[in-house]
Amino acid sequence: RDLGQIVDLCIKKDGLGFQVFNAVNDTITADMPTRLFLAKYAPNTPITREMGEFEAPISNRKIREVLGFREEHDWRKYVEV
């Protein structure tokens, strides 16, 4: 549903032209904190700033700033961890 919102925002945005967006939610889709996930599955990934405990390791900042995207459906609301 959040992906649908992103597509809808793109279609409605005048003058957008060709853009590339990371169509991801605000939080990581793993049941462990981001730092632990990266250490386990991508140990060579440089971490260049402080991150929220469950912040997505791929940023959606551009869709938030350019399109006004706001996540509505955090997967944790629907899945028992």
N, C-alpha and C. Protein backbone atom coordinates (compact mmCIF):
# COMPACT_ATOMS: atom_id res chain seq x y z
N ARG A 1 0.81 -1.19 0.00
CA ARG A 1 0.00 0.00 0.00
C ARG A 1 0.85 1.25 0.00
N ASP A 2 1.96 1.22 0.74
CA ASP A 2 2.85 2.38 0.70
C ASP A 2 3.48 2.54 -0.68
N LEU A 3 3.80 1.43 -1.33
CA LEU A 3 4.32 1.51 -2.70
C LEU A 3 3.28 2.14 -3.63
N GLY A 4 2.03 1.77 -3.46
CA GLY A 4 0.96 2.37 -4.24
C GLY A 4 0.90 3.87 -4.01
N GLN A 5 1.08 4.29 -2.77
CA GLN A 5 1.10 5.72 -2.45
C GLN A 5 2.25 6.42 -3.19
N ILE A 6 3.41 5.79 -3.23
CA ILE A 6 4.57 6.37 -3.92
C ILE A 6 4.26 6.54 -5.40
N VAL A 7 3.71 5.51 -6.02
CA VAL A 7 3.37 5.58 -7.45
C VAL A 7 2.34 6.69 -7.68
N ASP A 8 1.33 6.76 -6.84
CA ASP A 8 0.30 7.79 -6.96
C ASP A 8 0.91 9.19 -6.84
N LEU A 9 1.80 9.38 -5.88
CA LEU A 9 2.46 10.68 -5.71
C LEU A 9 3.29 11.04 -6.94
N CYS A 10 3.97 10.06 -7.52
CA CYS A 10 4.77 10.31 -8.74
C CYS A 10 3.88 10.75 -9.89
N ILE A 11 2.77 10.06 -10.09
CA ILE A 11 1.87 10.38 -11.19
C ILE A 11 1.29 11.78 -11.04
N LYS A 12 1.00 12.17 -9.81
CA LYS A 12 0.36 13.47 -9.56
C LYS A 12 1.34 14.64 -9.52
N LYS A 13 2.64 14.37 -9.47
CA LYS A 13 3.64 15.44 -9.33
C LYS A 13 3.94 16.07 -10.69
N ASP A 14 3.56 17.32 -10.87
CA ASP A 14 3.85 18.05 -12.10
C ASP A 14 5.33 18.32 -12.24
N GLY A 15 5.84 18.16 -13.46
CA GLY A 15 7.23 18.50 -13.75
C GLY A 15 8.25 17.57 -13.17
N LEU A 16 7.85 16.39 -12.76
CA LEU A 16 8.78 15.46 -12.12
C LEU A 16 9.83 14.95 -13.10
N GLY A 17 9.43 14.72 -14.34
CA GLY A 17 10.39 14.19 -15.32
C GLY A 17 10.88 12.82 -14.90
N PHE A 18 12.08 12.46 -15.36
CA PHE A 18 12.66 11.17 -15.01
C PHE A 18 13.37 11.30 -13.67
N GLN A 19 13.00 10.47 -12.72
CA GLN A 19 13.61 10.46 -11.39
C GLN A 19 13.80 9.01 -10.96
N VAL A 20 14.76 8.79 -10.09
CA VAL A 20 14.97 7.48 -9.48
C VAL A 20 14.74 7.63 -7.99
N PHE A 21 13.88 6.78 -7.44
CA PHE A 21 13.58 6.80 -6.01
C PHE A 21 13.83 5.42 -5.42
N ASN A 22 14.26 5.38 -4.18
CA ASN A 22 14.31 4.13 -3.42
C ASN A 22 12.92 3.95 -2.82
N ALA A 23 12.16 3.03 -3.35
CA ALA A 23 10.79 2.79 -2.89
C ALA A 23 10.82 1.85 -1.69
N VAL A 24 11.22 2.40 -0.56
CA VAL A 24 11.34 1.62 0.67
C VAL A 24 10.63 2.36 1.80
N ASN A 25 10.29 1.62 2.84
CA ASN A 25 9.67 2.24 4.00
C ASN A 25 10.73 2.80 4.93
N ASP A 26 10.29 3.37 6.02
CA ASP A 26 11.20 4.06 6.94
C ASP A 26 12.05 3.10 7.77
N THR A 27 11.56 1.88 7.98
CA THR A 27 12.26 0.95 8.86
C THR A 27 12.73 -0.28 8.09
N ILE A 28 13.72 -0.93 8.65
CA ILE A 28 14.28 -2.14 8.05
C ILE A 28 13.25 -3.26 8.12
N THR A 29 13.22 -4.09 7.11
CA THR A 29 12.29 -5.23 7.12
C THR A 29 13.01 -6.48 7.62
N ALA A 30 13.52 -6.37 8.82
CA ALA A 30 14.18 -7.48 9.50
C ALA A 30 13.78 -7.40 10.97
N ASP A 31 13.84 -8.51 11.65
CA ASP A 31 13.42 -8.52 13.05
C ASP A 31 14.58 -8.26 14.01
N MET A 32 15.63 -7.63 13.51
CA MET A 32 16.77 -7.26 14.35
C MET A 32 17.15 -5.82 14.06
N PRO A 33 17.77 -5.15 15.01
CA PRO A 33 18.19 -3.77 14.79
C PRO A 33 19.11 -3.64 13.57
N THR A 34 19.07 -2.50 12.95
CA THR A 34 19.80 -2.26 11.71
C THR A 34 21.29 -2.53 11.86
N ARG A 35 21.92 -2.04 12.91
CA ARG A 35 23.37 -2.25 13.09
C ARG A 35 23.71 -3.74 13.15
N LEU A 36 22.92 -4.51 13.88
CA LEU A 36 23.16 -5.96 13.96
C LEU A 36 22.95 -6.62 12.61
N PHE A 37 21.90 -6.22 11.90
CA PHE A 37 21.63 -6.77 10.57
C PHE A 37 22.80 -6.51 9.63
N LEU A 38 23.28 -5.27 9.60
CA LEU A 38 24.39 -4.93 8.71
C LEU A 38 25.67 -5.66 9.11
N ALA A 39 25.92 -5.78 10.41
CA ALA A 39 27.12 -6.49 10.86
C ALA A 39 27.08 -7.96 10.45
N LYS A 40 25.90 -8.55 10.50
CA LYS A 40 25.76 -9.97 10.17
C LYS A 40 25.75 -10.24 8.66
N TYR A 41 24.98 -9.45 7.91
CA TYR A 41 24.77 -9.76 6.49
C TYR A 41 25.55 -8.88 5.51
N ALA A 42 26.07 -7.77 5.99
CA ALA A 42 26.84 -6.87 5.10
C ALA A 42 27.96 -6.23 5.92
N PRO A 43 28.87 -7.07 6.45
CA PRO A 43 29.87 -6.58 7.40
C PRO A 43 30.83 -5.53 6.84
N ASN A 44 30.95 -5.44 5.54
CA ASN A 44 31.86 -4.45 4.95
C ASN A 44 31.18 -3.13 4.61
N THR A 45 29.91 -3.00 4.97
CA THR A 45 29.18 -1.77 4.69
C THR A 45 29.65 -0.67 5.64
N PRO A 46 30.17 0.43 5.10
CA PRO A 46 30.56 1.53 5.98
C PRO A 46 29.32 2.24 6.54
N ILE A 47 29.33 2.50 7.82
CA ILE A 47 28.25 3.25 8.46
C ILE A 47 28.82 4.64 8.73
N THR A 48 28.28 5.64 8.05
CA THR A 48 28.88 6.97 8.07
C THR A 48 28.19 7.95 9.00
N ARG A 49 27.10 7.51 9.66
CA ARG A 49 26.38 8.39 10.59
C ARG A 49 25.58 7.54 11.56
N GLU A 50 25.11 8.17 12.60
CA GLU A 50 24.24 7.46 13.54
C GLU A 50 22.93 7.14 12.85
N MET A 51 22.40 5.96 13.14
CA MET A 51 21.12 5.54 12.56
C MET A 51 20.17 5.16 13.68
N GLY A 52 18.88 5.31 13.40
CA GLY A 52 17.87 4.86 14.35
C GLY A 52 17.95 3.35 14.52
N GLU A 53 17.45 2.84 15.62
CA GLU A 53 17.59 1.41 15.92
C GLU A 53 17.09 0.51 14.79
N PHE A 54 15.95 0.85 14.21
CA PHE A 54 15.39 0.04 13.12
C PHE A 54 15.27 0.84 11.82
N GLU A 55 16.07 1.88 11.68
CA GLU A 55 16.04 2.69 10.46
C GLU A 55 16.43 1.85 9.25
N ALA A 56 15.72 2.04 8.16
CA ALA A 56 16.05 1.31 6.93
C ALA A 56 17.46 1.68 6.48
N PRO A 57 18.26 0.70 6.11
CA PRO A 57 19.63 1.00 5.68
C PRO A 57 19.68 1.63 4.29
N ILE A 58 18.56 1.61 3.57
CA ILE A 58 18.45 2.29 2.28
C ILE A 58 17.50 3.46 2.50
N SER A 59 17.93 4.65 2.18
CA SER A 59 17.17 5.86 2.49
C SER A 59 16.01 6.11 1.53
N ASN A 60 14.90 6.56 2.10
CA ASN A 60 13.77 7.02 1.30
C ASN A 60 13.60 8.54 1.43
N ARG A 61 14.64 9.20 1.87
CA ARG A 61 14.58 10.65 2.09
C ARG A 61 14.11 11.41 0.85
N LYS A 62 14.58 10.99 -0.32
CA LYS A 62 14.22 11.71 -1.54
C LYS A 62 12.71 11.66 -1.79
N ILE A 63 12.07 10.51 -1.61
CA ILE A 63 10.62 10.46 -1.84
C ILE A 63 9.86 11.23 -0.77
N ARG A 64 10.42 11.32 0.43
CA ARG A 64 9.78 12.13 1.46
C ARG A 64 9.89 13.62 1.13
N GLU A 65 11.08 14.04 0.70
CA GLU A 65 11.30 15.46 0.43
C GLU A 65 10.67 15.92 -0.89
N VAL A 66 10.81 15.14 -1.95
CA VAL A 66 10.33 15.55 -3.27
C VAL A 66 8.83 15.32 -3.43
N LEU A 67 8.33 14.20 -2.90
CA LEU A 67 6.94 13.83 -3.13
C LEU A 67 6.04 13.99 -1.91
N GLY A 68 6.62 14.18 -0.74
CA GLY A 68 5.82 14.28 0.47
C GLY A 68 5.35 12.93 1.00
N PHE A 69 6.04 11.85 0.63
CA PHE A 69 5.69 10.51 1.09
C PHE A 69 5.77 10.42 2.61
N ARG A 70 4.77 9.76 3.20
CA ARG A 70 4.78 9.43 4.62
C ARG A 70 4.33 7.99 4.76
N GLU A 71 5.19 7.17 5.35
CA GLU A 71 4.84 5.76 5.56
C GLU A 71 3.58 5.66 6.39
N GLU A 72 2.67 4.79 5.95
CA GLU A 72 1.43 4.54 6.70
C GLU A 72 1.35 3.10 7.20
N HIS A 73 2.12 2.21 6.59
CA HIS A 73 1.94 0.79 6.88
C HIS A 73 3.26 0.13 7.28
N ASP A 74 3.72 0.42 8.48
CA ASP A 74 4.90 -0.27 9.01
C ASP A 74 4.56 -1.75 9.11
N TRP A 75 5.40 -2.59 8.55
CA TRP A 75 5.11 -4.03 8.51
C TRP A 75 4.92 -4.62 9.90
N ARG A 76 5.51 -4.00 10.91
CA ARG A 76 5.39 -4.52 12.28
C ARG A 76 3.96 -4.44 12.81
N LYS A 77 3.13 -3.61 12.19
CA LYS A 77 1.72 -3.54 12.59
C LYS A 77 0.95 -4.79 12.16
N TYR A 78 1.49 -5.51 11.19
CA TYR A 78 0.75 -6.61 10.57
C TYR A 78 1.37 -7.99 10.81
N VAL A 79 2.62 -8.01 11.27
CA VAL A 79 3.34 -9.28 11.45
C VAL A 79 3.81 -9.37 12.90
N GLU A 80 3.54 -10.49 13.53
CA GLU A 80 4.03 -10.71 14.89
C GLU A 80 5.48 -11.16 14.83
N VAL A 81 6.35 -10.44 15.54
CA VAL A 81 7.79 -10.75 15.51
C VAL A 81 8.18 -11.50 16.76
